[in-house]
Amino acid sequence: FSKARGLLGRTLGLVGTGQIGREVATRARAFGMRVVAWSRSLTDETA
């Protein structure tokens, strides 16, 4: 159980960037994760 890969430097992919998705993104970045996302309404500016 010491074989975990860890979250640092890994990529989180979000499907949906509403209020919950945005809160998840904030917390994932705190773990040092890269965050990619797709949503029908997501623009480059908002991203």
ModelCIF file with pLDDT and N, C-alpha, C, O atoms, coordinates in Angstrom:
data_MODEL
#
_entry.id   MODEL 
#
_entity.id                         1 
_entity.type                       polymer 
_entity.pdbx_number_of_molecules   1 
#
_entity_poly.entity_id                      1 
_entity_poly.type                           'polypeptide(L)' 
_entity_poly.nstd_linkage                   no 
_entity_poly.nstd_monomer                   no 
_entity_poly.pdbx_seq_one_letter_code       FSKARGLLGRTLGLVGTGQIGREVATRARAFGMRVVAWSRSLTDETA 
_entity_poly.pdbx_seq_one_letter_code_can   FSKARGLLGRTLGLVGTGQIGREVATRARAFGMRVVAWSRSLTDETA 
_entity_poly.pdbx_strand_id                 A 
#
loop_
_entity_poly_seq.entity_id 
_entity_poly_seq.num 
_entity_poly_seq.mon_id 
_entity_poly_seq.hetero 
1 1  PHE n 
1 2  SER n 
1 3  LYS n 
1 4  ALA n 
1 5  ARG n 
1 6  GLY n 
1 7  LEU n 
1 8  LEU n 
1 9  GLY n 
1 10 ARG n 
1 11 THR n 
1 12 LEU n 
1 13 GLY n 
1 14 LEU n 
1 15 VAL n 
1 16 GLY n 
1 17 THR n 
1 18 GLY n 
1 19 GLN n 
1 20 ILE n 
1 21 GLY n 
1 22 ARG n 
1 23 GLU n 
1 24 VAL n 
1 25 ALA n 
1 26 THR n 
1 27 ARG n 
1 28 ALA n 
1 29 ARG n 
1 30 ALA n 
1 31 PHE n 
1 32 GLY n 
1 33 MET n 
1 34 ARG n 
1 35 VAL n 
1 36 VAL n 
1 37 ALA n 
1 38 TRP n 
1 39 SER n 
1 40 ARG n 
1 41 SER n 
1 42 LEU n 
1 43 THR n 
1 44 ASP n 
1 45 GLU n 
1 46 THR n 
1 47 ALA n 
#
_struct_asym.id          A 
_struct_asym.entity_id   1 
#
loop_
_ma_qa_metric.id 
_ma_qa_metric.mode 
_ma_qa_metric.name 
_ma_qa_metric.software_group_id 
_ma_qa_metric.type 
1 global pLDDT . pLDDT 
2 local  pLDDT . pLDDT 
#
_ma_qa_metric_global.metric_id      1 
_ma_qa_metric_global.metric_value   95.85 
_ma_qa_metric_global.model_id       1 
_ma_qa_metric_global.ordinal_id     1 
#
loop_
_ma_qa_metric_local.label_asym_id 
_ma_qa_metric_local.label_comp_id 
_ma_qa_metric_local.label_seq_id 
_ma_qa_metric_local.metric_id 
_ma_qa_metric_local.metric_value 
_ma_qa_metric_local.model_id 
_ma_qa_metric_local.ordinal_id 
A PHE 1  2 87.00 1 1  
A SER 2  2 87.00 1 2  
A LYS 3  2 87.00 1 3  
A ALA 4  2 89.00 1 4  
A ARG 5  2 91.00 1 5  
A GLY 6  2 94.00 1 6  
A LEU 7  2 97.00 1 7  
A LEU 8  2 97.00 1 8  
A GLY 9  2 97.00 1 9  
A ARG 10 2 98.00 1 10 
A THR 11 2 98.00 1 11 
A LEU 12 2 98.00 1 12 
A GLY 13 2 98.00 1 13 
A LEU 14 2 98.00 1 14 
A VAL 15 2 98.00 1 15 
A GLY 16 2 97.00 1 16 
A THR 17 2 96.00 1 17 
A GLY 18 2 94.00 1 18 
A GLN 19 2 94.00 1 19 
A ILE 20 2 96.00 1 20 
A GLY 21 2 97.00 1 21 
A ARG 22 2 96.00 1 22 
A GLU 23 2 97.00 1 23 
A VAL 24 2 98.00 1 24 
A ALA 25 2 98.00 1 25 
A THR 26 2 97.00 1 26 
A ARG 27 2 97.00 1 27 
A ALA 28 2 98.00 1 28 
A ARG 29 2 97.00 1 29 
A ALA 30 2 97.00 1 30 
A PHE 31 2 97.00 1 31 
A GLY 32 2 98.00 1 32 
A MET 33 2 98.00 1 33 
A ARG 34 2 98.00 1 34 
A VAL 35 2 98.00 1 35 
A VAL 36 2 98.00 1 36 
A ALA 37 2 98.00 1 37 
A TRP 38 2 98.00 1 38 
A SER 39 2 96.00 1 39 
A ARG 40 2 93.00 1 40 
A SER 41 2 93.00 1 41 
A LEU 42 2 96.00 1 42 
A THR 43 2 96.00 1 43 
A ASP 44 2 96.00 1 44 
A GLU 45 2 96.00 1 45 
A THR 46 2 96.00 1 46 
A ALA 47 2 97.00 1 47 
#
loop_
_atom_site.group_PDB 
_atom_site.id 
_atom_site.type_symbol 
_atom_site.label_atom_id 
_atom_site.label_alt_id 
_atom_site.label_comp_id 
_atom_site.label_asym_id 
_atom_site.label_entity_id 
_atom_site.label_seq_id 
_atom_site.pdbx_PDB_ins_code 
_atom_site.Cartn_x 
_atom_site.Cartn_y 
_atom_site.Cartn_z 
_atom_site.occupancy 
_atom_site.B_iso_or_equiv 
_atom_site.pdbx_formal_charge 
_atom_site.auth_seq_id 
_atom_site.auth_comp_id 
_atom_site.auth_asym_id 
_atom_site.auth_atom_id 
_atom_site.pdbx_PDB_model_num 
ATOM 1   N N  . PHE A 1 1  ? 0.801   -1.215 0.000   1.00 87.00 ? 1  PHE A N  1 
ATOM 2   C CA . PHE A 1 1  ? 0.000   0.000  0.000   1.00 87.00 ? 1  PHE A CA 1 
ATOM 3   C C  . PHE A 1 1  ? 0.843   1.278  0.000   1.00 87.00 ? 1  PHE A C  1 
ATOM 4   O O  . PHE A 1 1  ? 0.315   2.377  0.168   1.00 87.00 ? 1  PHE A O  1 
ATOM 5   N N  . SER A 1 2  ? 2.136   1.127  -0.187  1.00 87.00 ? 2  SER A N  1 
ATOM 6   C CA . SER A 1 2  ? 3.018   2.289  -0.354  1.00 87.00 ? 2  SER A CA 1 
ATOM 7   C C  . SER A 1 2  ? 3.311   2.563  -1.824  1.00 87.00 ? 2  SER A C  1 
ATOM 8   O O  . SER A 1 2  ? 4.167   3.389  -2.141  1.00 87.00 ? 2  SER A O  1 
ATOM 9   N N  . LYS A 1 3  ? 2.611   1.879  -2.723  1.00 87.00 ? 3  LYS A N  1 
ATOM 10  C CA . LYS A 1 3  ? 2.892   1.982  -4.154  1.00 87.00 ? 3  LYS A CA 1 
ATOM 11  C C  . LYS A 1 3  ? 2.064   3.054  -4.873  1.00 87.00 ? 3  LYS A C  1 
ATOM 12  O O  . LYS A 1 3  ? 2.029   3.081  -6.103  1.00 87.00 ? 3  LYS A O  1 
ATOM 13  N N  . ALA A 1 4  ? 1.413   3.917  -4.135  1.00 89.00 ? 4  ALA A N  1 
ATOM 14  C CA . ALA A 1 4  ? 0.585   4.953  -4.756  1.00 89.00 ? 4  ALA A CA 1 
ATOM 15  C C  . ALA A 1 4  ? 1.426   5.838  -5.677  1.00 89.00 ? 4  ALA A C  1 
ATOM 16  O O  . ALA A 1 4  ? 2.586   6.136  -5.391  1.00 89.00 ? 4  ALA A O  1 
ATOM 17  N N  . ARG A 1 5  ? 0.818   6.246  -6.780  1.00 91.00 ? 5  ARG A N  1 
ATOM 18  C CA . ARG A 1 5  ? 1.526   7.120  -7.719  1.00 91.00 ? 5  ARG A CA 1 
ATOM 19  C C  . ARG A 1 5  ? 1.488   8.573  -7.277  1.00 91.00 ? 5  ARG A C  1 
ATOM 20  O O  . ARG A 1 5  ? 2.327   9.368  -7.699  1.00 91.00 ? 5  ARG A O  1 
ATOM 21  N N  . GLY A 1 6  ? 0.525   8.933  -6.432  1.00 94.00 ? 6  GLY A N  1 
ATOM 22  C CA . GLY A 1 6  ? 0.407   10.313 -5.981  1.00 94.00 ? 6  GLY A CA 1 
ATOM 23  C C  . GLY A 1 6  ? -0.291  11.182 -7.010  1.00 94.00 ? 6  GLY A C  1 
ATOM 24  O O  . GLY A 1 6  ? -0.466  10.778 -8.160  1.00 94.00 ? 6  GLY A O  1 
ATOM 25  N N  . LEU A 1 7  ? -0.691  12.382 -6.594  1.00 97.00 ? 7  LEU A N  1 
ATOM 26  C CA . LEU A 1 7  ? -1.416  13.295 -7.465  1.00 97.00 ? 7  LEU A CA 1 
ATOM 27  C C  . LEU A 1 7  ? -0.532  14.391 -8.056  1.00 97.00 ? 7  LEU A C  1 
ATOM 28  O O  . LEU A 1 7  ? -0.882  14.984 -9.076  1.00 97.00 ? 7  LEU A O  1 
ATOM 29  N N  . LEU A 1 8  ? 0.600   14.662 -7.428  1.00 97.00 ? 8  LEU A N  1 
ATOM 30  C CA . LEU A 1 8  ? 1.481   15.731 -7.889  1.00 97.00 ? 8  LEU A CA 1 
ATOM 31  C C  . LEU A 1 8  ? 1.928   15.482 -9.328  1.00 97.00 ? 8  LEU A C  1 
ATOM 32  O O  . LEU A 1 8  ? 2.491   14.433 -9.643  1.00 97.00 ? 8  LEU A O  1 
ATOM 33  N N  . GLY A 1 9  ? 1.667   16.464 -10.197 1.00 97.00 ? 9  GLY A N  1 
ATOM 34  C CA . GLY A 1 9  ? 2.103   16.374 -11.582 1.00 97.00 ? 9  GLY A CA 1 
ATOM 35  C C  . GLY A 1 9  ? 1.195   15.565 -12.483 1.00 97.00 ? 9  GLY A C  1 
ATOM 36  O O  . GLY A 1 9  ? 1.434   15.486 -13.688 1.00 97.00 ? 9  GLY A O  1 
ATOM 37  N N  . ARG A 1 10 ? 0.176   14.975 -11.934 1.00 98.00 ? 10 ARG A N  1 
ATOM 38  C CA . ARG A 1 10 ? -0.752  14.196 -12.751 1.00 98.00 ? 10 ARG A CA 1 
ATOM 39  C C  . ARG A 1 10 ? -1.875  15.104 -13.276 1.00 98.00 ? 10 ARG A C  1 
ATOM 40  O O  . ARG A 1 10 ? -2.047  16.225 -12.797 1.00 98.00 ? 10 ARG A O  1 
ATOM 41  N N  . THR A 1 11 ? -2.623  14.618 -14.249 1.00 98.00 ? 11 THR A N  1 
ATOM 42  C CA . THR A 1 11 ? -3.631  15.439 -14.924 1.00 98.00 ? 11 THR A CA 1 
ATOM 43  C C  . THR A 1 11 ? -5.037  15.033 -14.511 1.00 98.00 ? 11 THR A C  1 
ATOM 44  O O  . THR A 1 11 ? -5.430  13.872 -14.620 1.00 98.00 ? 11 THR A O  1 
ATOM 45  N N  . LEU A 1 12 ? -5.783  16.023 -14.032 1.00 98.00 ? 12 LEU A N  1 
ATOM 46  C CA . LEU A 1 12 ? -7.202  15.841 -13.732 1.00 98.00 ? 12 LEU A CA 1 
ATOM 47  C C  . LEU A 1 12 ? -8.006  16.340 -14.923 1.00 98.00 ? 12 LEU A C  1 
ATOM 48  O O  . LEU A 1 12 ? -7.794  17.457 -15.395 1.00 98.00 ? 12 LEU A O  1 
ATOM 49  N N  . GLY A 1 13 ? -8.928  15.519 -15.408 1.00 98.00 ? 13 GLY A N  1 
ATOM 50  C CA . GLY A 1 13 ? -9.801  15.924 -16.490 1.00 98.00 ? 13 GLY A CA 1 
ATOM 51  C C  . GLY A 1 13 ? -11.216 16.136 -15.995 1.00 98.00 ? 13 GLY A C  1 
ATOM 52  O O  . GLY A 1 13 ? -11.845 15.208 -15.486 1.00 98.00 ? 13 GLY A O  1 
ATOM 53  N N  . LEU A 1 14 ? -11.721 17.349 -16.142 1.00 98.00 ? 14 LEU A N  1 
ATOM 54  C CA . LEU A 1 14 ? -13.068 17.671 -15.692 1.00 98.00 ? 14 LEU A CA 1 
ATOM 55  C C  . LEU A 1 14 ? -14.046 17.603 -16.857 1.00 98.00 ? 14 LEU A C  1 
ATOM 56  O O  . LEU A 1 14 ? -13.787 18.154 -17.927 1.00 98.00 ? 14 LEU A O  1 
ATOM 57  N N  . VAL A 1 15 ? -15.158 16.935 -16.648 1.00 98.00 ? 15 VAL A N  1 
ATOM 58  C CA . VAL A 1 15 ? -16.278 16.977 -17.580 1.00 98.00 ? 15 VAL A CA 1 
ATOM 59  C C  . VAL A 1 15 ? -17.345 17.816 -16.894 1.00 98.00 ? 15 VAL A C  1 
ATOM 60  O O  . VAL A 1 15 ? -18.071 17.326 -16.029 1.00 98.00 ? 15 VAL A O  1 
ATOM 61  N N  . GLY A 1 16 ? -17.434 19.075 -17.281 1.00 97.00 ? 16 GLY A N  1 
ATOM 62  C CA . GLY A 1 16 ? -18.332 20.017 -16.622 1.00 97.00 ? 16 GLY A CA 1 
ATOM 63  C C  . GLY A 1 16 ? -17.565 20.997 -15.757 1.00 97.00 ? 16 GLY A C  1 
ATOM 64  O O  . GLY A 1 16 ? -16.744 20.603 -14.928 1.00 97.00 ? 16 GLY A O  1 
ATOM 65  N N  . THR A 1 17 ? -17.841 22.289 -15.958 1.00 96.00 ? 17 THR A N  1 
ATOM 66  C CA . THR A 1 17 ? -17.139 23.325 -15.194 1.00 96.00 ? 17 THR A CA 1 
ATOM 67  C C  . THR A 1 17 ? -18.135 24.303 -14.575 1.00 96.00 ? 17 THR A C  1 
ATOM 68  O O  . THR A 1 17 ? -17.941 25.518 -14.615 1.00 96.00 ? 17 THR A O  1 
ATOM 69  N N  . GLY A 1 18 ? -19.190 23.756 -14.010 1.00 94.00 ? 18 GLY A N  1 
ATOM 70  C CA . GLY A 1 18 ? -20.104 24.572 -13.226 1.00 94.00 ? 18 GLY A CA 1 
ATOM 71  C C  . GLY A 1 18 ? -19.500 24.844 -11.865 1.00 94.00 ? 18 GLY A C  1 
ATOM 72  O O  . GLY A 1 18 ? -18.285 24.739 -11.692 1.00 94.00 ? 18 GLY A O  1 
ATOM 73  N N  . GLN A 1 19 ? -20.329 25.192 -10.902 1.00 94.00 ? 19 GLN A N  1 
ATOM 74  C CA . GLN A 1 19 ? -19.810 25.583 -9.593  1.00 94.00 ? 19 GLN A CA 1 
ATOM 75  C C  . GLN A 1 19 ? -19.033 24.451 -8.925  1.00 94.00 ? 19 GLN A C  1 
ATOM 76  O O  . GLN A 1 19 ? -17.987 24.687 -8.321  1.00 94.00 ? 19 GLN A O  1 
ATOM 77  N N  . ILE A 1 20 ? -19.542 23.221 -9.033  1.00 96.00 ? 20 ILE A N  1 
ATOM 78  C CA . ILE A 1 20 ? -18.842 22.094 -8.409  1.00 96.00 ? 20 ILE A CA 1 
ATOM 79  C C  . ILE A 1 20 ? -17.530 21.816 -9.136  1.00 96.00 ? 20 ILE A C  1 
ATOM 80  O O  . ILE A 1 20 ? -16.495 21.633 -8.495  1.00 96.00 ? 20 ILE A O  1 
ATOM 81  N N  . GLY A 1 21 ? -17.563 21.784 -10.459 1.00 97.00 ? 21 GLY A N  1 
ATOM 82  C CA . GLY A 1 21 ? -16.343 21.536 -11.213 1.00 97.00 ? 21 GLY A CA 1 
ATOM 83  C C  . GLY A 1 21 ? -15.260 22.557 -10.912 1.00 97.00 ? 21 GLY A C  1 
ATOM 84  O O  . GLY A 1 21 ? -14.079 22.218 -10.829 1.00 97.00 ? 21 GLY A O  1 
ATOM 85  N N  . ARG A 1 22 ? -15.665 23.800 -10.749 1.00 96.00 ? 22 ARG A N  1 
ATOM 86  C CA . ARG A 1 22 ? -14.688 24.852 -10.441 1.00 96.00 ? 22 ARG A CA 1 
ATOM 87  C C  . ARG A 1 22 ? -14.083 24.663 -9.052  1.00 96.00 ? 22 ARG A C  1 
ATOM 88  O O  . ARG A 1 22 ? -12.896 24.913 -8.847  1.00 96.00 ? 22 ARG A O  1 
ATOM 89  N N  . GLU A 1 23 ? -14.904 24.222 -8.102  1.00 97.00 ? 23 GLU A N  1 
ATOM 90  C CA . GLU A 1 23 ? -14.383 23.959 -6.752  1.00 97.00 ? 23 GLU A CA 1 
ATOM 91  C C  . GLU A 1 23 ? -13.407 22.782 -6.778  1.00 97.00 ? 23 GLU A C  1 
ATOM 92  O O  . GLU A 1 23 ? -12.396 22.787 -6.074  1.00 97.00 ? 23 GLU A O  1 
ATOM 93  N N  . VAL A 1 24 ? -13.717 21.778 -7.592  1.00 98.00 ? 24 VAL A N  1 
ATOM 94  C CA . VAL A 1 24 ? -12.811 20.635 -7.714  1.00 98.00 ? 24 VAL A CA 1 
ATOM 95  C C  . VAL A 1 24 ? -11.483 21.083 -8.329  1.00 98.00 ? 24 VAL A C  1 
ATOM 96  O O  . VAL A 1 24 ? -10.414 20.670 -7.878  1.00 98.00 ? 24 VAL A O  1 
ATOM 97  N N  . ALA A 1 25 ? -11.556 21.925 -9.354  1.00 98.00 ? 25 ALA A N  1 
ATOM 98  C CA . ALA A 1 25 ? -10.330 22.412 -9.999  1.00 98.00 ? 25 ALA A CA 1 
ATOM 99  C C  . ALA A 1 25 ? -9.434  23.132 -9.003  1.00 98.00 ? 25 ALA A C  1 
ATOM 100 O O  . ALA A 1 25 ? -8.220  22.927 -8.992  1.00 98.00 ? 25 ALA A O  1 
ATOM 101 N N  . THR A 1 26 ? -10.031 23.978 -8.164  1.00 97.00 ? 26 THR A N  1 
ATOM 102 C CA . THR A 1 26 ? -9.251  24.714 -7.160  1.00 97.00 ? 26 THR A CA 1 
ATOM 103 C C  . THR A 1 26 ? -8.522  23.762 -6.226  1.00 97.00 ? 26 THR A C  1 
ATOM 104 O O  . THR A 1 26 ? -7.345  23.963 -5.927  1.00 97.00 ? 26 THR A O  1 
ATOM 105 N N  . ARG A 1 27 ? -9.208  22.737 -5.768  1.00 97.00 ? 27 ARG A N  1 
ATOM 106 C CA . ARG A 1 27 ? -8.604  21.788 -4.827  1.00 97.00 ? 27 ARG A CA 1 
ATOM 107 C C  . ARG A 1 27 ? -7.569  20.901 -5.520  1.00 97.00 ? 27 ARG A C  1 
ATOM 108 O O  . ARG A 1 27 ? -6.548  20.558 -4.926  1.00 97.00 ? 27 ARG A O  1 
ATOM 109 N N  . ALA A 1 28 ? -7.830  20.533 -6.770  1.00 98.00 ? 28 ALA A N  1 
ATOM 110 C CA . ALA A 1 28 ? -6.868  19.699 -7.495  1.00 98.00 ? 28 ALA A CA 1 
ATOM 111 C C  . ALA A 1 28 ? -5.553  20.444 -7.720  1.00 98.00 ? 28 ALA A C  1 
ATOM 112 O O  . ALA A 1 28 ? -4.475  19.860 -7.612  1.00 98.00 ? 28 ALA A O  1 
ATOM 113 N N  . ARG A 1 29 ? -5.649  21.722 -8.030  1.00 97.00 ? 29 ARG A N  1 
ATOM 114 C CA . ARG A 1 29 ? -4.421  22.513 -8.224  1.00 97.00 ? 29 ARG A CA 1 
ATOM 115 C C  . ARG A 1 29 ? -3.630  22.601 -6.932  1.00 97.00 ? 29 ARG A C  1 
ATOM 116 O O  . ARG A 1 29 ? -2.401  22.669 -6.960  1.00 97.00 ? 29 ARG A O  1 
ATOM 117 N N  . ALA A 1 30 ? -4.320  22.601 -5.800  1.00 97.00 ? 30 ALA A N  1 
ATOM 118 C CA . ALA A 1 30 ? -3.619  22.633 -4.510  1.00 97.00 ? 30 ALA A CA 1 
ATOM 119 C C  . ALA A 1 30 ? -2.790  21.367 -4.293  1.00 97.00 ? 30 ALA A C  1 
ATOM 120 O O  . ALA A 1 30 ? -1.814  21.376 -3.543  1.00 97.00 ? 30 ALA A O  1 
ATOM 121 N N  . PHE A 1 31 ? -3.188  20.275 -4.958  1.00 97.00 ? 31 PHE A N  1 
ATOM 122 C CA . PHE A 1 31 ? -2.413  19.036 -4.888  1.00 97.00 ? 31 PHE A CA 1 
ATOM 123 C C  . PHE A 1 31 ? -1.322  18.990 -5.970  1.00 97.00 ? 31 PHE A C  1 
ATOM 124 O O  . PHE A 1 31 ? -0.628  17.983 -6.114  1.00 97.00 ? 31 PHE A O  1 
ATOM 125 N N  . GLY A 1 32 ? -1.180  20.072 -6.717  1.00 98.00 ? 32 GLY A N  1 
ATOM 126 C CA . GLY A 1 32 ? -0.157  20.120 -7.750  1.00 98.00 ? 32 GLY A CA 1 
ATOM 127 C C  . GLY A 1 32 ? -0.552  19.428 -9.038  1.00 98.00 ? 32 GLY A C  1 
ATOM 128 O O  . GLY A 1 32 ? 0.312   19.007 -9.808  1.00 98.00 ? 32 GLY A O  1 
ATOM 129 N N  . MET A 1 33 ? -1.854  19.305 -9.282  1.00 98.00 ? 33 MET A N  1 
ATOM 130 C CA . MET A 1 33 ? -2.323  18.648 -10.487 1.00 98.00 ? 33 MET A CA 1 
ATOM 131 C C  . MET A 1 33 ? -2.512  19.644 -11.630 1.00 98.00 ? 33 MET A C  1 
ATOM 132 O O  . MET A 1 33 ? -2.891  20.795 -11.412 1.00 98.00 ? 33 MET A O  1 
ATOM 133 N N  . ARG A 1 34 ? -2.248  19.194 -12.818 1.00 98.00 ? 34 ARG A N  1 
ATOM 134 C CA . ARG A 1 34 ? -2.637  19.923 -14.020 1.00 98.00 ? 34 ARG A CA 1 
ATOM 135 C C  . ARG A 1 34 ? -4.125  19.630 -14.251 1.00 98.00 ? 34 ARG A C  1 
ATOM 136 O O  . ARG A 1 34 ? -4.563  18.489 -14.101 1.00 98.00 ? 34 ARG A O  1 
ATOM 137 N N  . VAL A 1 35 ? -4.894  20.649 -14.613 1.00 98.00 ? 35 VAL A N  1 
ATOM 138 C CA . VAL A 1 35 ? -6.330  20.465 -14.788 1.00 98.00 ? 35 VAL A CA 1 
ATOM 139 C C  . VAL A 1 35 ? -6.726  20.807 -16.220 1.00 98.00 ? 35 VAL A C  1 
ATOM 140 O O  . VAL A 1 35 ? -6.483  21.915 -16.697 1.00 98.00 ? 35 VAL A O  1 
ATOM 141 N N  . VAL A 1 36 ? -7.340  19.835 -16.899 1.00 98.00 ? 36 VAL A N  1 
ATOM 142 C CA . VAL A 1 36 ? -7.908  20.066 -18.224 1.00 98.00 ? 36 VAL A CA 1 
ATOM 143 C C  . VAL A 1 36 ? -9.418  19.900 -18.097 1.00 98.00 ? 36 VAL A C  1 
ATOM 144 O O  . VAL A 1 36 ? -9.898  19.211 -17.197 1.00 98.00 ? 36 VAL A O  1 
ATOM 145 N N  . ALA A 1 37 ? -10.160 20.526 -18.995 1.00 98.00 ? 37 ALA A N  1 
ATOM 146 C CA . ALA A 1 37 ? -11.612 20.506 -18.828 1.00 98.00 ? 37 ALA A CA 1 
ATOM 147 C C  . ALA A 1 37 ? -12.337 20.642 -20.156 1.00 98.00 ? 37 ALA A C  1 
ATOM 148 O O  . ALA A 1 37 ? -11.828 21.218 -21.117 1.00 98.00 ? 37 ALA A O  1 
ATOM 149 N N  . TRP A 1 38 ? -13.540 20.091 -20.174 1.00 98.00 ? 38 TRP A N  1 
ATOM 150 C CA . TRP A 1 38 ? -14.448 20.280 -21.292 1.00 98.00 ? 38 TRP A CA 1 
ATOM 151 C C  . TRP A 1 38 ? -15.832 20.597 -20.740 1.00 98.00 ? 38 TRP A C  1 
ATOM 152 O O  . TRP A 1 38 ? -16.290 19.983 -19.776 1.00 98.00 ? 38 TRP A O  1 
ATOM 153 N N  . SER A 1 39 ? -16.477 21.553 -21.361 1.00 96.00 ? 39 SER A N  1 
ATOM 154 C CA . SER A 1 39 ? -17.873 21.879 -21.086 1.00 96.00 ? 39 SER A CA 1 
ATOM 155 C C  . SER A 1 39 ? -18.405 22.575 -22.326 1.00 96.00 ? 39 SER A C  1 
ATOM 156 O O  . SER A 1 39 ? -17.663 23.270 -23.020 1.00 96.00 ? 39 SER A O  1 
ATOM 157 N N  . ARG A 1 40 ? -19.691 22.390 -22.607 1.00 93.00 ? 40 ARG A N  1 
ATOM 158 C CA . ARG A 1 40 ? -20.258 23.034 -23.787 1.00 93.00 ? 40 ARG A CA 1 
ATOM 159 C C  . ARG A 1 40 ? -20.124 24.556 -23.729 1.00 93.00 ? 40 ARG A C  1 
ATOM 160 O O  . ARG A 1 40 ? -20.000 25.217 -24.760 1.00 93.00 ? 40 ARG A O  1 
ATOM 161 N N  . SER A 1 41 ? -20.149 25.100 -22.522 1.00 93.00 ? 41 SER A N  1 
ATOM 162 C CA . SER A 1 41 ? -20.144 26.555 -22.377 1.00 93.00 ? 41 SER A CA 1 
ATOM 163 C C  . SER A 1 41 ? -18.768 27.129 -22.045 1.00 93.00 ? 41 SER A C  1 
ATOM 164 O O  . SER A 1 41 ? -18.622 28.346 -21.938 1.00 93.00 ? 41 SER A O  1 
ATOM 165 N N  . LEU A 1 42 ? -17.762 26.276 -21.881 1.00 96.00 ? 42 LEU A N  1 
ATOM 166 C CA . LEU A 1 42 ? -16.444 26.757 -21.468 1.00 96.00 ? 42 LEU A CA 1 
ATOM 167 C C  . LEU A 1 42 ? -15.734 27.444 -22.631 1.00 96.00 ? 42 LEU A C  1 
ATOM 168 O O  . LEU A 1 42 ? -15.606 26.877 -23.716 1.00 96.00 ? 42 LEU A O  1 
ATOM 169 N N  . THR A 1 43 ? -15.279 28.664 -22.390 1.00 96.00 ? 43 THR A N  1 
ATOM 170 C CA . THR A 1 43 ? -14.514 29.420 -23.383 1.00 96.00 ? 43 THR A CA 1 
ATOM 171 C C  . THR A 1 43 ? -13.049 29.460 -22.973 1.00 96.00 ? 43 THR A C  1 
ATOM 172 O O  . THR A 1 43 ? -12.704 29.150 -21.832 1.00 96.00 ? 43 THR A O  1 
ATOM 173 N N  . ASP A 1 44 ? -12.197 29.843 -23.905 1.00 96.00 ? 44 ASP A N  1 
ATOM 174 C CA . ASP A 1 44 ? -10.775 29.974 -23.585 1.00 96.00 ? 44 ASP A CA 1 
ATOM 175 C C  . ASP A 1 44 ? -10.558 31.026 -22.504 1.00 96.00 ? 44 ASP A C  1 
ATOM 176 O O  . ASP A 1 44 ? -9.705  30.861 -21.632 1.00 96.00 ? 44 ASP A O  1 
ATOM 177 N N  . GLU A 1 45 ? -11.327 32.099 -22.563 1.00 96.00 ? 45 GLU A N  1 
ATOM 178 C CA . GLU A 1 45 ? -11.179 33.177 -21.579 1.00 96.00 ? 45 GLU A CA 1 
ATOM 179 C C  . GLU A 1 45 ? -11.538 32.691 -20.177 1.00 96.00 ? 45 GLU A C  1 
ATOM 180 O O  . GLU A 1 45 ? -10.820 32.959 -19.214 1.00 96.00 ? 45 GLU A O  1 
ATOM 181 N N  . THR A 1 46 ? -12.660 31.970 -20.075 1.00 96.00 ? 46 THR A N  1 
ATOM 182 C CA . THR A 1 46 ? -13.079 31.450 -18.771 1.00 96.00 ? 46 THR A CA 1 
ATOM 183 C C  . THR A 1 46 ? -12.092 30.406 -18.263 1.00 96.00 ? 46 THR A C  1 
ATOM 184 O O  . THR A 1 46 ? -11.789 30.360 -17.071 1.00 96.00 ? 46 THR A O  1 
ATOM 185 N N  . ALA A 1 47 ? -11.596 29.577 -19.160 1.00 97.00 ? 47 ALA A N  1 
ATOM 186 C CA . ALA A 1 47 ? -10.617 28.565 -18.771 1.00 97.00 ? 47 ALA A CA 1 
ATOM 187 C C  . ALA A 1 47 ? -9.368  29.210 -18.179 1.00 97.00 ? 47 ALA A C  1 
ATOM 188 O O  . ALA A 1 47 ? -8.433  28.508 -17.795 1.00 97.00 ? 47 ALA A O  1 
#
